[in-house]
């Protein structure tokens, strides 16, 4: 059974230069999603959301593998959409009022019915507090600019500012939600080596 790695299939979306931002066009895809609010470094709601999301994502993976239908794939990295109702007030330094959606991309053969089945399976085994908030939804980001950031999450502000400056200089405007893709596991990676893609939709 061959293993499918969507990070390789969508390499231009899950890798980026650390030196220069690049423009990308992000196609529609299906995700497991969960919403919340507050500083991700402080809010228990955030940790509970991550636990529930990964629980369902890995249950889906092993559920399909166990059924012997030839579908073996790597679970995609955690992604986060971050925003305020008024994005003009959005600041990396002021996170208490941030709204967020955490999400994990799903292969095209994963359906809403399969996702519901995985949620029910997780509920029977562990039933994490945030499980009820999980949903299966399509998301189409479209044109965006992105750059790779390496380092602690708390120090990504200058990289975000440089990305915004690139967007202005390229004749575009920011729109939509600030987007981050977490390529490293913070439990196993030193803060100074954490890899994240910083992405911003544009118009």
Foldseek 3Di string as FASTA:
>chain_A
DDEDEVCVVPVVVNDAAQPDKDKDFFFKFKKKKFKDAADCVPDPLNVLRVVLRVQLQVLLQVVVVVVPPPYHYDWFFKKKWWAAPDRVPDALVDRGGIIMMIITTDPPPDDQVSSVVSLVVCCVPPNGPRSVRIGMDMDGQTMKMKHKDAAASSPCRVVVVVRQVVQVVVPKHFDGTWMKTWPDDPVPDDRRGTIMMTMTRID
